[in-house]
Amino acid sequence: MTRYPLEASSVDASISMLETHLDPAQIAPLVAVLRELAKAPEDAALLARLSHAFAGLGVLQGAVLTYAPAIGALLSDDPFGD
């Protein structure tokens, strides 16, 4: 469960911004997880996949956080409640 409410409209806006300003091919794995997360926002496995996809972006991480700051909030969550 996330500490921050995840709204589909926020995820859709993030995807739109990312696809507008970045090469969609480079962020495809991240966008795929975001689309799934919009449908199942409380799925801890999807949050883990989001973290993994984000880690795989390398230098694009900064650009992703610039255009989709909601992702930063999701990644700062503690899905394990520690």
PDB file of N, CA and C in Angstrom:
ATOM      1  N   MET A   1       0.840  -1.172   0.000  1.00  0.00           N
ATOM      2  CA  MET A   1       0.000   0.000   0.000  1.00  0.00           C
ATOM      3  C   MET A   1       0.891   1.244   0.000  1.00  0.00           C
ATOM      4  N   THR A   2       0.547   2.222  -0.813  1.00  0.00           N
ATOM      5  CA  THR A   2       1.328   3.440  -0.871  1.00  0.00           C
ATOM      6  C   THR A   2       0.838   4.443   0.151  1.00  0.00           C
ATOM      7  N   ARG A   3       1.735   5.292   0.610  1.00  0.00           N
ATOM      8  CA  ARG A   3       1.356   6.362   1.532  1.00  0.00           C
ATOM      9  C   ARG A   3       0.677   7.497   0.792  1.00  0.00           C
ATOM     10  N   TYR A   4       0.960   7.609  -0.493  1.00  0.00           N
ATOM     11  CA  TYR A   4       0.409   8.678  -1.292  1.00  0.00           C
ATOM     12  C   TYR A   4      -0.674   8.113  -2.196  1.00  0.00           C
ATOM     13  N   PRO A   5      -1.815   8.801  -2.293  1.00  0.00           N
ATOM     14  CA  PRO A   5      -2.861   8.291  -3.175  1.00  0.00           C
ATOM     15  C   PRO A   5      -2.394   8.348  -4.624  1.00  0.00           C
ATOM     16  N   LEU A   6      -2.590   7.285  -5.326  1.00  0.00           N
ATOM     17  CA  LEU A   6      -2.200   7.205  -6.728  1.00  0.00           C
ATOM     18  C   LEU A   6      -3.457   7.317  -7.572  1.00  0.00           C
ATOM     19  N   GLU A   7      -3.531   8.345  -8.361  1.00  0.00           N
ATOM     20  CA  GLU A   7      -4.683   8.550  -9.217  1.00  0.00           C
ATOM     21  C   GLU A   7      -4.301   8.246 -10.650  1.00  0.00           C
ATOM     22  N   ALA A   8      -5.198   7.583 -11.374  1.00  0.00           N
ATOM     23  CA  ALA A   8      -4.936   7.226 -12.759  1.00  0.00           C
ATOM     24  C   ALA A   8      -4.634   8.463 -13.596  1.00  0.00           C
ATOM     25  N   SER A   9      -5.310   9.568 -13.305  1.00  0.00           N
ATOM     26  CA  SER A   9      -5.077  10.788 -14.086  1.00  0.00           C
ATOM     27  C   SER A   9      -3.650  11.297 -13.904  1.00  0.00           C
ATOM     28  N   SER A  10      -3.096  11.128 -12.704  1.00  0.00           N
ATOM     29  CA  SER A  10      -1.719  11.535 -12.446  1.00  0.00           C
ATOM     30  C   SER A  10      -0.743  10.651 -13.224  1.00  0.00           C
ATOM     31  N   VAL A  11      -1.037   9.368 -13.256  1.00  0.00           N
ATOM     32  CA  VAL A  11      -0.184   8.442 -14.000  1.00  0.00           C
ATOM     33  C   VAL A  11      -0.290   8.736 -15.497  1.00  0.00           C
ATOM     34  N   ASP A  12      -1.487   8.968 -15.984  1.00  0.00           N
ATOM     35  CA  ASP A  12      -1.678   9.278 -17.404  1.00  0.00           C
ATOM     36  C   ASP A  12      -0.944  10.560 -17.787  1.00  0.00           C
ATOM     37  N   ALA A  13      -1.010  11.573 -16.928  1.00  0.00           N
ATOM     38  CA  ALA A  13      -0.306  12.827 -17.190  1.00  0.00           C
ATOM     39  C   ALA A  13       1.206  12.596 -17.208  1.00  0.00           C
ATOM     40  N   SER A  14       1.679  11.767 -16.296  1.00  0.00           N
ATOM     41  CA  SER A  14       3.114  11.454 -16.256  1.00  0.00           C
ATOM     42  C   SER A  14       3.549  10.750 -17.537  1.00  0.00           C
ATOM     43  N   ILE A  15       2.774   9.787 -17.962  1.00  0.00           N
ATOM     44  CA  ILE A  15       3.094   9.053 -19.197  1.00  0.00           C
ATOM     45  C   ILE A  15       3.115  10.014 -20.383  1.00  0.00           C
ATOM     46  N   SER A  16       2.127  10.876 -20.461  1.00  0.00           N
ATOM     47  CA  SER A  16       2.047  11.841 -21.557  1.00  0.00           C
ATOM     48  C   SER A  16       3.278  12.748 -21.588  1.00  0.00           C
ATOM     49  N   MET A  17       3.653  13.272 -20.435  1.00  0.00           N
ATOM     50  CA  MET A  17       4.833  14.142 -20.363  1.00  0.00           C
ATOM     51  C   MET A  17       6.107  13.393 -20.749  1.00  0.00           C
ATOM     52  N   LEU A  18       6.244  12.169 -20.264  1.00  0.00           N
ATOM     53  CA  LEU A  18       7.435  11.388 -20.580  1.00  0.00           C
ATOM     54  C   LEU A  18       7.521  11.098 -22.066  1.00  0.00           C
ATOM     55  N   GLU A  19       6.410  10.702 -22.666  1.00  0.00           N
ATOM     56  CA  GLU A  19       6.422  10.359 -24.094  1.00  0.00           C
ATOM     57  C   GLU A  19       6.575  11.596 -24.976  1.00  0.00           C
ATOM     58  N   THR A  20       6.198  12.757 -24.463  1.00  0.00           N
ATOM     59  CA  THR A  20       6.356  14.000 -25.220  1.00  0.00           C
ATOM     60  C   THR A  20       7.807  14.472 -25.220  1.00  0.00           C
ATOM     61  N   HIS A  21       8.467  14.350 -24.073  1.00  0.00           N
ATOM     62  CA  HIS A  21       9.789  14.955 -23.919  1.00  0.00           C
ATOM     63  C   HIS A  21      10.962  13.985 -23.997  1.00  0.00           C
ATOM     64  N   LEU A  22      10.691  12.706 -23.945  1.00  0.00           N
ATOM     65  CA  LEU A  22      11.763  11.709 -24.008  1.00  0.00           C
ATOM     66  C   LEU A  22      11.473  10.726 -25.133  1.00  0.00           C
ATOM     67  N   ASP A  23      12.495  10.002 -25.532  1.00  0.00           N
ATOM     68  CA  ASP A  23      12.335   8.997 -26.578  1.00  0.00           C
ATOM     69  C   ASP A  23      11.505   7.834 -26.020  1.00  0.00           C
ATOM     70  N   PRO A  24      10.297   7.621 -26.566  1.00  0.00           N
ATOM     71  CA  PRO A  24       9.436   6.553 -26.039  1.00  0.00           C
ATOM     72  C   PRO A  24      10.104   5.170 -26.017  1.00  0.00           C
ATOM     73  N   ALA A  25      10.981   4.919 -26.951  1.00  0.00           N
ATOM     74  CA  ALA A  25      11.655   3.615 -26.981  1.00  0.00           C
ATOM     75  C   ALA A  25      12.565   3.433 -25.762  1.00  0.00           C
ATOM     76  N   GLN A  26      13.158   4.507 -25.287  1.00  0.00           N
ATOM     77  CA  GLN A  26      14.074   4.422 -24.150  1.00  0.00           C
ATOM     78  C   GLN A  26      13.351   4.254 -22.819  1.00  0.00           C
ATOM     79  N   ILE A  27      12.102   4.665 -22.768  1.00  0.00           N
ATOM     80  CA  ILE A  27      11.357   4.596 -21.513  1.00  0.00           C
ATOM     81  C   ILE A  27      10.229   3.573 -21.561  1.00  0.00           C
ATOM     82  N   ALA A  28      10.188   2.766 -22.605  1.00  0.00           N
ATOM     83  CA  ALA A  28       9.093   1.802 -22.792  1.00  0.00           C
ATOM     84  C   ALA A  28       8.876   0.884 -21.586  1.00  0.00           C
ATOM     85  N   PRO A  29       9.919   0.292 -20.996  1.00  0.00           N
ATOM     86  CA  PRO A  29       9.679  -0.581 -19.833  1.00  0.00           C
ATOM     87  C   PRO A  29       9.037   0.171 -18.656  1.00  0.00           C
ATOM     88  N   LEU A  30       9.477   1.396 -18.426  1.00  0.00           N
ATOM     89  CA  LEU A  30       8.921   2.199 -17.342  1.00  0.00           C
ATOM     90  C   LEU A  30       7.461   2.531 -17.623  1.00  0.00           C
ATOM     91  N   VAL A  31       7.158   2.934 -18.832  1.00  0.00           N
ATOM     92  CA  VAL A  31       5.791   3.302 -19.205  1.00  0.00           C
ATOM     93  C   VAL A  31       4.867   2.085 -19.095  1.00  0.00           C
ATOM     94  N   ALA A  32       5.346   0.922 -19.474  1.00  0.00           N
ATOM     95  CA  ALA A  32       4.531  -0.296 -19.383  1.00  0.00           C
ATOM     96  C   ALA A  32       4.132  -0.566 -17.933  1.00  0.00           C
ATOM     97  N   VAL A  33       5.083  -0.407 -17.017  1.00  0.00           N
ATOM     98  CA  VAL A  33       4.778  -0.625 -15.600  1.00  0.00           C
ATOM     99  C   VAL A  33       3.818   0.452 -15.092  1.00  0.00           C
ATOM    100  N   LEU A  34       4.007   1.690 -15.511  1.00  0.00           N
ATOM    101  CA  LEU A  34       3.110   2.766 -15.098  1.00  0.00           C
ATOM    102  C   LEU A  34       1.679   2.494 -15.536  1.00  0.00           C
ATOM    103  N   ARG A  35       1.510   1.997 -16.749  1.00  0.00           N
ATOM    104  CA  ARG A  35       0.154   1.681 -17.242  1.00  0.00           C
ATOM    105  C   ARG A  35      -0.499   0.592 -16.385  1.00  0.00           C
ATOM    106  N   GLU A  36       0.274  -0.409 -16.005  1.00  0.00           N
ATOM    107  CA  GLU A  36      -0.251  -1.469 -15.140  1.00  0.00           C
ATOM    108  C   GLU A  36      -0.566  -0.919 -13.747  1.00  0.00           C
ATOM    109  N   LEU A  37       0.296  -0.056 -13.261  1.00  0.00           N
ATOM    110  CA  LEU A  37       0.125   0.515 -11.929  1.00  0.00           C
ATOM    111  C   LEU A  37      -1.122   1.393 -11.851  1.00  0.00           C
ATOM    112  N   ALA A  38      -1.471   2.036 -12.941  1.00  0.00           N
ATOM    113  CA  ALA A  38      -2.683   2.857 -12.965  1.00  0.00           C
ATOM    114  C   ALA A  38      -3.928   1.998 -12.755  1.00  0.00           C
ATOM    115  N   LYS A  39      -3.849   0.751 -13.189  1.00  0.00           N
ATOM    116  CA  LYS A  39      -4.985  -0.169 -13.041  1.00  0.00           C
ATOM    117  C   LYS A  39      -5.000  -0.865 -11.685  1.00  0.00           C
ATOM    118  N   ALA A  40      -3.832  -1.008 -11.069  1.00  0.00           N
ATOM    119  CA  ALA A  40      -3.725  -1.710  -9.777  1.00  0.00           C
ATOM    120  C   ALA A  40      -2.769  -0.942  -8.869  1.00  0.00           C
ATOM    121  N   PRO A  41      -3.193   0.219  -8.363  1.00  0.00           N
ATOM    122  CA  PRO A  41      -2.271   1.090  -7.623  1.00  0.00           C
ATOM    123  C   PRO A  41      -1.758   0.534  -6.296  1.00  0.00           C
ATOM    124  N   GLU A  42      -2.405  -0.451  -5.739  1.00  0.00           N
ATOM    125  CA  GLU A  42      -1.963  -0.990  -4.450  1.00  0.00           C
ATOM    126  C   GLU A  42      -1.117  -2.253  -4.585  1.00  0.00           C
ATOM    127  N   ASP A  43      -0.744  -2.595  -5.797  1.00  0.00           N
ATOM    128  CA  ASP A  43       0.020  -3.817  -6.050  1.00  0.00           C
ATOM    129  C   ASP A  43       1.497  -3.588  -5.736  1.00  0.00           C
ATOM    130  N   ALA A  44       1.963  -4.138  -4.641  1.00  0.00           N
ATOM    131  CA  ALA A  44       3.355  -3.959  -4.210  1.00  0.00           C
ATOM    132  C   ALA A  44       4.342  -4.531  -5.223  1.00  0.00           C
ATOM    133  N   ALA A  45       3.962  -5.597  -5.913  1.00  0.00           N
ATOM    134  CA  ALA A  45       4.848  -6.176  -6.927  1.00  0.00           C
ATOM    135  C   ALA A  45       5.075  -5.192  -8.071  1.00  0.00           C
ATOM    136  N   LEU A  46       4.038  -4.442  -8.423  1.00  0.00           N
ATOM    137  CA  LEU A  46       4.196  -3.442  -9.481  1.00  0.00           C
ATOM    138  C   LEU A  46       5.086  -2.291  -9.024  1.00  0.00           C
ATOM    139  N   LEU A  47       4.990  -1.920  -7.758  1.00  0.00           N
ATOM    140  CA  LEU A  47       5.886  -0.885  -7.239  1.00  0.00           C
ATOM    141  C   LEU A  47       7.338  -1.353  -7.299  1.00  0.00           C
ATOM    142  N   ALA A  48       7.566  -2.613  -7.010  1.00  0.00           N
ATOM    143  CA  ALA A  48       8.921  -3.167  -7.101  1.00  0.00           C
ATOM    144  C   ALA A  48       9.393  -3.165  -8.553  1.00  0.00           C
ATOM    145  N   ARG A  49       8.500  -3.516  -9.473  1.00  0.00           N
ATOM    146  CA  ARG A  49       8.849  -3.482 -10.900  1.00  0.00           C
ATOM    147  C   ARG A  49       9.122  -2.059 -11.368  1.00  0.00           C
ATOM    148  N   LEU A  50       8.362  -1.093 -10.843  1.00  0.00           N
ATOM    149  CA  LEU A  50       8.589   0.306 -11.191  1.00  0.00           C
ATOM    150  C   LEU A  50       9.996   0.720 -10.747  1.00  0.00           C
ATOM    151  N   SER A  51      10.360   0.344  -9.551  1.00  0.00           N
ATOM    152  CA  SER A  51      11.686   0.662  -9.033  1.00  0.00           C
ATOM    153  C   SER A  51      12.776   0.050  -9.911  1.00  0.00           C
ATOM    154  N   HIS A  52      12.579  -1.184 -10.315  1.00  0.00           N
ATOM    155  CA  HIS A  52      13.558  -1.869 -11.174  1.00  0.00           C
ATOM    156  C   HIS A  52      13.649  -1.197 -12.543  1.00  0.00           C
ATOM    157  N   ALA A  53      12.499  -0.855 -13.131  1.00  0.00           N
ATOM    158  CA  ALA A  53      12.487  -0.194 -14.441  1.00  0.00           C
ATOM    159  C   ALA A  53      13.158   1.174 -14.347  1.00  0.00           C
ATOM    160  N   PHE A  54      12.903   1.887 -13.265  1.00  0.00           N
ATOM    161  CA  PHE A  54      13.517   3.199 -13.065  1.00  0.00           C
ATOM    162  C   PHE A  54      15.029   3.056 -12.931  1.00  0.00           C
ATOM    163  N   ALA A  55      15.479   2.083 -12.176  1.00  0.00           N
ATOM    164  CA  ALA A  55      16.913   1.866 -11.989  1.00  0.00           C
ATOM    165  C   ALA A  55      17.607   1.574 -13.316  1.00  0.00           C
ATOM    166  N   GLY A  56      16.897   0.925 -14.235  1.00  0.00           N
ATOM    167  CA  GLY A  56      17.462   0.591 -15.535  1.00  0.00           C
ATOM    168  C   GLY A  56      17.588   1.765 -16.492  1.00  0.00           C
ATOM    169  N   LEU A  57      17.071   2.917 -16.110  1.00  0.00           N
ATOM    170  CA  LEU A  57      17.108   4.083 -16.996  1.00  0.00           C
ATOM    171  C   LEU A  57      18.461   4.788 -17.017  1.00  0.00           C
ATOM    172  N   GLY A  58      19.275   4.534 -16.025  1.00  0.00           N
ATOM    173  CA  GLY A  58      20.587   5.189 -15.991  1.00  0.00           C
ATOM    174  C   GLY A  58      20.456   6.699 -15.939  1.00  0.00           C
ATOM    175  N   VAL A  59      21.131   7.393 -16.856  1.00  0.00           N
ATOM    176  CA  VAL A  59      21.160   8.857 -16.838  1.00  0.00           C
ATOM    177  C   VAL A  59      19.804   9.484 -17.148  1.00  0.00           C
ATOM    178  N   LEU A  60      18.867   8.723 -17.656  1.00  0.00           N
ATOM    179  CA  LEU A  60      17.534   9.261 -17.937  1.00  0.00           C
ATOM    180  C   LEU A  60      16.694   9.433 -16.668  1.00  0.00           C
ATOM    181  N   GLN A  61      17.170   8.922 -15.543  1.00  0.00           N
ATOM    182  CA  GLN A  61      16.405   9.034 -14.292  1.00  0.00           C
ATOM    183  C   GLN A  61      16.077  10.482 -13.960  1.00  0.00           C
ATOM    184  N   GLY A  62      17.033  11.376 -14.127  1.00  0.00           N
ATOM    185  CA  GLY A  62      16.803  12.786 -13.825  1.00  0.00           C
ATOM    186  C   GLY A  62      15.719  13.386 -14.701  1.00  0.00           C
ATOM    187  N   ALA A  63      15.750  13.066 -15.982  1.00  0.00           N
ATOM    188  CA  ALA A  63      14.735  13.576 -16.901  1.00  0.00           C
ATOM    189  C   ALA A  63      13.358  13.027 -16.542  1.00  0.00           C
ATOM    190  N   VAL A  64      13.296  11.766 -16.177  1.00  0.00           N
ATOM    191  CA  VAL A  64      12.020  11.161 -15.788  1.00  0.00           C
ATOM    192  C   VAL A  64      11.449  11.875 -14.571  1.00  0.00           C
ATOM    193  N   LEU A  65      12.279  12.144 -13.585  1.00  0.00           N
ATOM    194  CA  LEU A  65      11.798  12.828 -12.386  1.00  0.00           C
ATOM    195  C   LEU A  65      11.422  14.281 -12.674  1.00  0.00           C
ATOM    196  N   THR A  66      12.060  14.883 -13.660  1.00  0.00           N
ATOM    197  CA  THR A  66      11.723  16.254 -14.041  1.00  0.00           C
ATOM    198  C   THR A  66      10.339  16.317 -14.673  1.00  0.00           C
ATOM    199  N   TYR A  67      10.062  15.418 -15.600  1.00  0.00           N
ATOM    200  CA  TYR A  67       8.799  15.454 -16.337  1.00  0.00           C
ATOM    201  C   TYR A  67       7.667  14.703 -15.638  1.00  0.00           C
ATOM    202  N   ALA A  68       7.998  13.844 -14.712  1.00  0.00           N
ATOM    203  CA  ALA A  68       6.972  13.059 -14.009  1.00  0.00           C
ATOM    204  C   ALA A  68       7.334  12.962 -12.527  1.00  0.00           C
ATOM    205  N   PRO A  69       7.243  14.073 -11.790  1.00  0.00           N
ATOM    206  CA  PRO A  69       7.640  14.047 -10.375  1.00  0.00           C
ATOM    207  C   PRO A  69       6.809  13.098  -9.515  1.00  0.00           C
ATOM    208  N   ALA A  70       5.627  12.725  -9.980  1.00  0.00           N
ATOM    209  CA  ALA A  70       4.811  11.768  -9.227  1.00  0.00           C
ATOM    210  C   ALA A  70       5.538  10.434  -9.070  1.00  0.00           C
ATOM    211  N   ILE A  71       6.401  10.120 -10.016  1.00  0.00           N
ATOM    212  CA  ILE A  71       7.159   8.869  -9.933  1.00  0.00           C
ATOM    213  C   ILE A  71       8.108   8.906  -8.733  1.00  0.00           C
ATOM    214  N   GLY A  72       8.679  10.055  -8.465  1.00  0.00           N
ATOM    215  CA  GLY A  72       9.551  10.198  -7.300  1.00  0.00           C
ATOM    216  C   GLY A  72       8.816   9.900  -6.010  1.00  0.00           C
ATOM    217  N   ALA A  73       7.569  10.366  -5.916  1.00  0.00           N
ATOM    218  CA  ALA A  73       6.765  10.091  -4.723  1.00  0.00           C
ATOM    219  C   ALA A  73       6.486   8.601  -4.593  1.00  0.00           C
ATOM    220  N   LEU A  74       6.203   7.951  -5.713  1.00  0.00           N
ATOM    221  CA  LEU A  74       5.939   6.508  -5.668  1.00  0.00           C
ATOM    222  C   LEU A  74       7.187   5.732  -5.262  1.00  0.00           C
ATOM    223  N   LEU A  75       8.319   6.139  -5.794  1.00  0.00           N
ATOM    224  CA  LEU A  75       9.558   5.426  -5.493  1.00  0.00           C
ATOM    225  C   LEU A  75      10.039   5.672  -4.070  1.00  0.00           C
ATOM    226  N   SER A  76       9.624   6.774  -3.469  1.00  0.00           N
ATOM    227  CA  SER A  76      10.044   7.052  -2.094  1.00  0.00           C
ATOM    228  C   SER A  76       9.181   6.332  -1.087  1.00  0.00           C
ATOM    229  N   ASP A  77       8.110   5.702  -1.554  1.00  0.00           N
ATOM    230  CA  ASP A  77       7.241   4.935  -0.669  1.00  0.00           C
ATOM    231  C   ASP A  77       7.974   3.711  -0.130  1.00  0.00           C
ATOM    232  N   ASP A  78       7.490   3.218   0.971  1.00  0.00           N
ATOM    233  CA  ASP A  78       8.022   2.006   1.554  1.00  0.00           C
ATOM    234  C   ASP A  78       6.935   0.931   1.468  1.00  0.00           C
ATOM    235  N   PRO A  79       6.943   0.140   0.388  1.00  0.00           N
ATOM    236  CA  PRO A  79       5.866  -0.839   0.210  1.00  0.00           C
ATOM    237  C   PRO A  79       5.856  -1.944   1.262  1.00  0.00           C
ATOM    238  N   PHE A  80       6.933  -2.050   2.051  1.00  0.00           N
ATOM    239  CA  PHE A  80       7.009  -3.108   3.045  1.00  0.00           C
ATOM    240  C   PHE A  80       6.676  -2.608   4.448  1.00  0.00           C
ATOM    241  N   GLY A  81       6.388  -1.309   4.566  1.00  0.00           N
ATOM    242  CA  GLY A  81       5.980  -0.762   5.847  1.00  0.00           C
ATOM    243  C   GLY A  81       7.082  -0.689   6.884  1.00  0.00           C
ATOM    244  N   ASP A  82       8.332  -0.709   6.443  1.00  0.00           N
ATOM    245  CA  ASP A  82       9.478  -0.646   7.392  1.00  0.00           C
ATOM    246  C   ASP A  82       9.670   0.762   7.874  1.00  0.00           C
TER     247      ASP A  82
END
